[in-house]
Amino acid sequence: MNWLQWSYVAMLAFCLVGTLPLTHLFGLDVLRRPARLAATVLLAGGPFLLWDLWATHVGQWSFDAAQTLPPRVLGLPLEEIAFFVVIPLVGVLTHEAVLAVRAGVRPPWWPGRRHPEPSREEAR
């Protein structure tokens, strides 16, 4: 294998590295609701994965072996299948982070960030 075959995997990893920290920065609970997240990923990526399988099977498009890893599932490179999991996940994380920012949530290092009001139990 050469570095070019890892480029697709590297792109997916780059997307995850850029968005997974959003869960910590904005206190997102997306990953704490796995069933809901799995349903979202399945509904968002499933139809496109089926379309990809069909299009590859009938020869509408193909994948360059020089630019993908050798393992295949039903004729698709593993990273192509991972794409339909990673990109919906990244989309959900980004959407939830935007909603948090619009609601006034800021990362801990944000200048001028106010500390949240203590709850009644914490104030006692």
Foldseek 3Di string as FASTA:
>chain_A
DDVLQCPLVVVLVVLCVVQVCLCVQLVDCLVVPVVVLVVQLCVQLVVVVVVVLVCVVVVVDADDPVRHPPDDDSRHGPSVVVCSRRVSVSVVSVVVSVVSVVVPGGGPVDPPDDDDDDDPVVVD
